[in-house]
C-alpha atoms as a PDB file:
ATOM      1  CA  UNK A   1    -147.455-131.506 125.107  1.00  0.00           C
ATOM      2  CA  UNK A   2    -145.350-133.686 127.545  1.00  0.00           C
ATOM      3  CA  UNK A   3    -142.446-134.089 124.834  1.00  0.00           C
ATOM      4  CA  UNK A   4    -142.325-130.273 124.525  1.00  0.00           C
ATOM      5  CA  UNK A   5    -142.387-129.833 128.183  1.00  0.00           C
ATOM      6  CA  UNK A   6    -139.707-132.440 128.727  1.00  0.00           C
ATOM      7  CA  UNK A   7    -137.287-130.780 126.087  1.00  0.00           C
ATOM      8  CA  UNK A   8    -137.662-127.670 127.765  1.00  0.00           C
ATOM      9  CA  UNK A   9    -136.981-129.013 131.345  1.00  0.00           C
ATOM     10  CA  UNK A  10    -134.028-130.797 129.706  1.00  0.00           C
ATOM     11  CA  UNK A  11    -132.310-127.621 128.113  1.00  0.00           C
ATOM     12  CA  UNK A  12    -133.006-125.351 131.295  1.00  0.00           C
ATOM     13  CA  UNK A  13    -131.480-127.610 134.285  1.00  0.00           C
ATOM     14  CA  UNK A  14    -133.040-130.956 133.882  1.00  0.00           C
ATOM     15  CA  UNK A  15    -129.946-132.532 132.425  1.00  0.00           C
ATOM     16  CA  UNK A  16    -127.681-131.099 135.119  1.00  0.00           C
ATOM     17  CA  UNK A  17    -129.906-132.094 137.919  1.00  0.00           C
ATOM     18  CA  UNK A  18    -129.944-135.591 136.378  1.00  0.00           C
ATOM     19  CA  UNK A  19    -126.431-135.947 136.132  1.00  0.00           C
ATOM     20  CA  UNK A  20    -125.884-134.921 139.725  1.00  0.00           C
ATOM     21  CA  UNK A  21    -128.533-137.455 141.046  1.00  0.00           C
ATOM     22  CA  UNK A  22    -126.541-140.343 138.780  1.00  0.00           C
ATOM     23  CA  UNK A  23    -123.189-139.114 140.299  1.00  0.00           C
ATOM     24  CA  UNK A  24    -124.628-139.336 143.812  1.00  0.00           C
ATOM     25  CA  UNK A  25    -126.054-142.591 142.877  1.00  0.00           C
ATOM     26  CA  UNK A  26    -122.581-144.003 141.688  1.00  0.00           C
ATOM     27  CA  UNK A  27    -120.828-142.664 144.608  1.00  0.00           C
ATOM     28  CA  UNK A  28    -123.374-144.272 147.095  1.00  0.00           C
ATOM     29  CA  UNK A  29    -122.971-147.584 145.309  1.00  0.00           C
ATOM     30  CA  UNK A  30    -119.386-147.704 145.845  1.00  0.00           C
ATOM     31  CA  UNK A  31    -120.319-149.124 149.376  1.00  0.00           C
ATOM     32  CA  UNK A  32    -122.496-152.269 150.225  1.00  0.00           C
ATOM     33  CA  UNK A  33    -124.707-150.326 152.745  1.00  0.00           C
ATOM     34  CA  UNK A  34    -125.100-147.445 150.196  1.00  0.00           C
ATOM     35  CA  UNK A  35    -126.325-149.507 147.355  1.00  0.00           C
ATOM     36  CA  UNK A  36    -130.066-149.194 148.218  1.00  0.00           C
ATOM     37  CA  UNK A  37    -129.581-145.363 148.599  1.00  0.00           C
ATOM     38  CA  UNK A  38    -127.953-145.200 145.155  1.00  0.00           C
ATOM     39  CA  UNK A  39    -130.643-147.164 143.489  1.00  0.00           C
ATOM     40  CA  UNK A  40    -133.038-144.491 144.626  1.00  0.00           C
ATOM     41  CA  UNK A  41    -130.679-141.813 143.383  1.00  0.00           C
ATOM     42  CA  UNK A  42    -131.100-143.464 140.169  1.00  0.00           C
ATOM     43  CA  UNK A  43    -134.842-143.503 140.436  1.00  0.00           C
ATOM     44  CA  UNK A  44    -134.786-139.573 141.155  1.00  0.00           C
ATOM     45  CA  UNK A  45    -132.423-139.367 138.191  1.00  0.00           C
ATOM     46  CA  UNK A  46    -135.019-140.834 135.950  1.00  0.00           C
ATOM     47  CA  UNK A  47    -137.707-138.578 137.087  1.00  0.00           C
ATOM     48  CA  UNK A  48    -135.636-135.494 136.840  1.00  0.00           C
ATOM     49  CA  UNK A  49    -134.575-136.394 133.310  1.00  0.00           C
ATOM     50  CA  UNK A  50    -138.194-136.744 131.913  1.00  0.00           C
ATOM     51  CA  UNK A  51    -140.700-135.556 134.492  1.00  0.00           C
ATOM     52  CA  UNK A  52    -143.554-134.555 132.535  1.00  0.00           C
ATOM     53  CA  UNK A  53    -145.916-137.429 131.778  1.00  0.00           C
ATOM     54  CA  UNK A  54    -144.909-139.495 134.992  1.00  0.00           C
ATOM     55  CA  UNK A  55    -146.271-140.195 138.256  1.00  0.00           C
ATOM     56  CA  UNK A  56    -145.223-141.231 141.846  1.00  0.00           C
ATOM     57  CA  UNK A  57    -147.312-143.932 143.373  1.00  0.00           C
ATOM     58  CA  UNK A  58    -146.854-145.902 146.435  1.00  0.00           C
ATOM     59  CA  UNK A  59    -146.014-149.411 145.956  1.00  0.00           C
ATOM     60  CA  UNK A  60    -146.934-152.575 147.941  1.00  0.00           C
ATOM     61  CA  UNK A  61    -143.307-153.961 147.725  1.00  0.00           C
ATOM     62  CA  UNK A  62    -143.579-155.541 151.127  1.00  0.00           C
ATOM     63  CA  UNK A  63    -140.383-153.985 152.600  1.00  0.00           C
ATOM     64  CA  UNK A  64    -142.768-152.972 155.655  1.00  0.00           C
ATOM     65  CA  UNK A  65    -140.947-151.097 158.354  1.00  0.00           C
ATOM     66  CA  UNK A  66    -137.776-151.486 156.525  1.00  0.00           C
ATOM     67  CA  UNK A  67    -139.008-148.882 154.030  1.00  0.00           C
ATOM     68  CA  UNK A  68    -139.712-146.592 156.761  1.00  0.00           C
ATOM     69  CA  UNK A  69    -136.365-147.010 158.578  1.00  0.00           C
ATOM     70  CA  UNK A  70    -134.514-146.348 155.025  1.00  0.00           C
ATOM     71  CA  UNK A  71    -136.822-143.303 154.346  1.00  0.00           C
ATOM     72  CA  UNK A  72    -135.788-142.023 157.725  1.00  0.00           C
ATOM     73  CA  UNK A  73    -132.103-142.607 157.011  1.00  0.00           C
ATOM     74  CA  UNK A  74    -132.748-140.815 153.693  1.00  0.00           C
ATOM     75  CA  UNK A  75    -134.447-137.857 155.110  1.00  0.00           C
ATOM     76  CA  UNK A  76    -131.579-137.437 157.627  1.00  0.00           C
ATOM     77  CA  UNK A  77    -128.653-137.536 155.117  1.00  0.00           C
ATOM     78  CA  UNK A  78    -129.851-135.362 152.353  1.00  0.00           C
ATOM     79  CA  UNK A  79    -133.297-135.961 151.547  1.00  0.00           C
ATOM     80  CA  UNK A  80    -134.645-132.774 153.470  1.00  0.00           C
ATOM     81  CA  UNK A  81    -131.921-130.673 151.774  1.00  0.00           C
ATOM     82  CA  UNK A  82    -133.041-132.037 148.233  1.00  0.00           C
ATOM     83  CA  UNK A  83    -136.739-131.456 149.076  1.00  0.00           C
ATOM     84  CA  UNK A  84    -136.189-127.841 150.210  1.00  0.00           C
ATOM     85  CA  UNK A  85    -134.358-127.141 147.040  1.00  0.00           C
ATOM     86  CA  UNK A  86    -137.091-128.325 144.803  1.00  0.00           C
ATOM     87  CA  UNK A  87    -139.634-126.487 147.423  1.00  0.00           C
ATOM     88  CA  UNK A  88    -137.657-123.224 146.608  1.00  0.00           C
ATOM     89  CA  UNK A  89    -137.559-123.673 142.927  1.00  0.00           C
ATOM     90  CA  UNK A  90    -141.346-124.567 142.775  1.00  0.00           C
ATOM     91  CA  UNK A  91    -142.142-121.268 144.815  1.00  0.00           C
ATOM     92  CA  UNK A  92    -139.791-119.279 142.348  1.00  0.00           C
ATOM     93  CA  UNK A  93    -141.466-120.846 139.381  1.00  0.00           C
ATOM     94  CA  UNK A  94    -144.859-120.430 140.732  1.00  0.00           C
ATOM     95  CA  UNK A  95    -144.546-116.630 140.764  1.00  0.00           C
ATOM     96  CA  UNK A  96    -144.493-116.514 136.941  1.00  0.00           C
ATOM     97  CA  UNK A  97    -147.613-117.780 135.078  1.00  0.00           C
ATOM     98  CA  UNK A  98    -145.391-119.617 132.485  1.00  0.00           C
ATOM     99  CA  UNK A  99    -143.402-121.485 135.215  1.00  0.00           C
ATOM    100  CA  UNK A 100    -146.476-123.166 136.621  1.00  0.00           C
ATOM    101  CA  UNK A 101    -146.154-126.186 134.807  1.00  0.00           C
ATOM    102  CA  UNK A 102    -142.346-126.577 135.830  1.00  0.00           C
ATOM    103  CA  UNK A 103    -143.270-125.886 139.425  1.00  0.00           C
ATOM    104  CA  UNK A 104    -145.659-128.731 139.513  1.00  0.00           C
ATOM    105  CA  UNK A 105    -142.789-130.931 138.209  1.00  0.00           C
ATOM    106  CA  UNK A 106    -140.677-129.884 141.443  1.00  0.00           C
ATOM    107  CA  UNK A 107    -143.306-130.543 143.675  1.00  0.00           C
ATOM    108  CA  UNK A 108    -143.478-133.972 142.274  1.00  0.00           C
ATOM    109  CA  UNK A 109    -139.940-134.400 142.693  1.00  0.00           C
ATOM    110  CA  UNK A 110    -140.147-132.951 146.066  1.00  0.00           C
ATOM    111  CA  UNK A 111    -142.612-135.725 147.176  1.00  0.00           C
ATOM    112  CA  UNK A 112    -140.093-138.466 145.882  1.00  0.00           C
ATOM    113  CA  UNK A 113    -136.959-136.777 147.375  1.00  0.00           C
ATOM    114  CA  UNK A 114    -138.643-136.943 150.803  1.00  0.00           C
ATOM    115  CA  UNK A 115    -139.388-140.606 150.929  1.00  0.00           C
ATOM    116  CA  UNK A 116    -138.219-142.409 147.833  1.00  0.00           C
ATOM    117  CA  UNK A 117    -138.501-145.992 149.273  1.00  0.00           C
ATOM    118  CA  UNK A 118    -141.717-147.642 148.723  1.00  0.00           C
ATOM    119  CA  UNK A 119    -142.746-145.417 145.784  1.00  0.00           C
ATOM    120  CA  UNK A 120    -142.472-146.047 141.976  1.00  0.00           C
ATOM    121  CA  UNK A 121    -142.475-143.740 139.114  1.00  0.00           C
ATOM    122  CA  UNK A 122    -144.985-144.690 136.404  1.00  0.00           C
END
């Protein structure tokens, strides 16, 4: 069932969203300071490409307050906007019965787009 959900997701916007995250990741990786943020964009792109069957879990990466600081910078410079876009799409999809599984994926993406540092996708 996850495979069918991923294929439908991919056809109806998942590929375009993943390409957007990949492009943003490449742009951020052009600078030394942007590399950690670009890597997070690539993590988001992987989840956007195939969201069904994956979970977002906190990690014990040992970054400590650096992870908190990076999440605050991420939130200020685009994370809040990205999370709001995922929230709007989730709300629109929850209106229909067929869209509920896709809305749940947008809520998963919203969680990761709010604070990607210190989280892993499994």
